[in-house]
C-alpha cells in the first residue's frame, strides 16, 4: 500500500492486526514530506479537517524535525530502525523510520 498527500489507502496487516488500527506508508520518493503524510493520515482516520490535524501534530512534535529524523541519509540508505510514538486526540500514532504510519483508534469506554 502506498500513501502520499493526495491519496488515502488503509489496510489491516498481519495475523494480529486489529480492526481499529490503521496503516499507511509514506513514499520517500514522492513529493510529500513525511509530516504531510502523517497529517493527512490523522485527518483521514479521525475524520477531521487537515488544518486541525496539522495544528494537533505541531502541538506534539516539530514537523521539520520529524521530517529530518526519518529522511533517508544522503546515500539513499534508510535511517536506522527507529520510531516515534505520539498521542493525538486519543489516537496512538507511531511513525517508523521506514515511513510506515500506524494509528490505533482510542479505546472505547464502557
Protein backbone atom coordinates (compact mmCIF):
# COMPACT_ATOMS: atom_id res chain seq x y z
CA UNK A 1 0.00 0.00 0.00
CA UNK A 2 1.25 3.45 -0.85
CA UNK A 3 0.15 6.59 0.93
CA UNK A 4 1.01 10.12 -0.07
CA UNK A 5 -0.50 13.54 0.44
CA UNK A 6 -3.04 13.13 -2.35
CA UNK A 7 -4.33 9.61 -1.85
CA UNK A 8 -5.59 7.69 1.14
CA UNK A 9 -5.47 3.93 1.49
CA UNK A 10 -5.59 1.94 4.70
CA UNK A 11 -5.36 -1.76 5.24
CA UNK A 12 -5.07 -4.19 8.08
CA UNK A 13 -1.78 -6.07 8.18
CA UNK A 14 -0.67 -9.30 9.69
CA UNK A 15 -2.35 -12.04 11.59
CA UNK A 16 -2.78 -9.92 14.72
CA UNK A 17 -3.98 -6.70 13.09
CA UNK A 18 -6.86 -5.10 14.94
CA UNK A 19 -9.80 -3.66 13.02
CA UNK A 20 -9.36 -0.32 14.81
CA UNK A 21 -5.73 0.05 13.70
CA UNK A 22 -4.87 1.90 10.50
CA UNK A 23 -1.69 1.53 8.46
CA UNK A 24 -0.27 3.96 5.93
CA UNK A 25 3.05 4.03 4.12
CA UNK A 26 4.91 7.23 3.29
CA UNK A 27 6.67 7.29 -0.08
CA UNK A 28 10.07 8.91 0.49
CA UNK A 29 10.50 9.13 -3.30
CA UNK A 30 7.24 11.06 -3.70
CA UNK A 31 6.68 14.83 -3.49
CA UNK A 32 5.16 14.91 0.01
CA UNK A 33 7.13 15.27 3.22
CA UNK A 34 6.70 12.62 5.91
CA UNK A 35 4.99 15.12 8.22
CA UNK A 36 2.46 15.91 5.47
CA UNK A 37 1.64 12.23 5.07
CA UNK A 38 1.22 11.93 8.85
CA UNK A 39 -1.15 14.94 8.90
CA UNK A 40 -3.24 13.57 6.04
CA UNK A 41 -3.40 10.14 7.67
CA UNK A 42 -4.51 11.56 11.03
CA UNK A 43 -7.07 13.74 9.25
CA UNK A 44 -8.50 10.78 7.36
CA UNK A 45 -8.62 8.41 10.34
CA UNK A 46 -10.11 10.99 12.72
CA UNK A 47 -12.40 12.43 10.02
CA UNK A 48 -11.01 15.88 10.83
CA UNK A 49 -10.05 18.95 8.84
CA UNK A 50 -6.47 18.94 7.51
CA UNK A 51 -5.67 22.27 9.19
CA UNK A 52 -6.89 20.98 12.55
CA UNK A 53 -4.80 17.80 12.17
CA UNK A 54 -1.74 19.83 11.22
CA UNK A 55 -2.17 22.01 14.31
CA UNK A 56 -2.54 18.92 16.52
CA UNK A 57 0.66 17.38 15.12
CA UNK A 58 2.55 20.65 15.65
CA UNK A 59 1.50 20.64 19.33
CA UNK A 60 3.22 17.25 19.78
CA UNK A 61 6.27 17.38 17.53
CA UNK A 62 8.09 19.82 15.27
CA UNK A 63 7.14 18.64 11.74
CA UNK A 64 10.50 19.74 10.32
CA UNK A 65 12.32 17.71 12.99
CA UNK A 66 10.15 14.67 12.20
CA UNK A 67 10.99 15.03 8.50
CA UNK A 68 14.71 15.40 9.23
CA UNK A 69 14.74 12.50 11.68
CA UNK A 70 13.46 9.95 9.17
CA UNK A 71 14.52 11.30 5.77
CA UNK A 72 16.87 8.77 4.14
CA UNK A 73 20.56 9.55 4.53
CA UNK A 74 22.49 11.09 1.63
CA UNK A 75 23.29 7.68 0.16
CA UNK A 76 19.53 6.98 -0.07
CA UNK A 77 20.02 4.37 2.63
CA UNK A 78 17.15 4.31 5.09
CA UNK A 79 17.76 5.56 8.60
CA UNK A 80 18.34 3.01 11.29
CA UNK A 81 15.30 1.25 12.61
CA UNK A 82 13.54 3.65 14.97
CA UNK A 83 10.14 5.13 15.64
CA UNK A 84 8.30 7.97 17.33
CA UNK A 85 5.12 7.49 19.39
CA UNK A 86 2.58 10.28 19.74
CA UNK A 87 -0.91 10.55 21.19
CA UNK A 88 -3.16 12.88 19.25
CA UNK A 89 -6.86 13.21 20.12
CA UNK A 90 -6.66 9.89 21.95
CA UNK A 91 -5.23 8.07 18.93
CA UNK A 92 -1.91 6.29 19.27
CA UNK A 93 0.26 7.43 16.36
CA UNK A 94 3.51 5.61 15.62
CA UNK A 95 5.80 6.78 12.84
CA UNK A 96 8.57 4.38 11.81
CA UNK A 97 11.84 5.22 10.09
CA UNK A 98 10.79 3.16 7.05
CA UNK A 99 7.82 5.51 6.53
CA UNK A 100 5.16 3.26 8.00
CA UNK A 101 2.49 5.10 9.97
CA UNK A 102 0.32 3.14 12.40
CA UNK A 103 -2.67 4.75 14.07
CA UNK A 104 -4.62 2.98 16.80
CA UNK A 105 -8.11 4.23 17.50
CA UNK A 106 -8.89 5.47 21.01
CA UNK A 107 -10.08 2.78 23.38
CA UNK A 108 -13.81 2.76 23.83
CA UNK A 109 -15.01 3.31 27.35
CA UNK A 110 -17.98 1.26 28.53
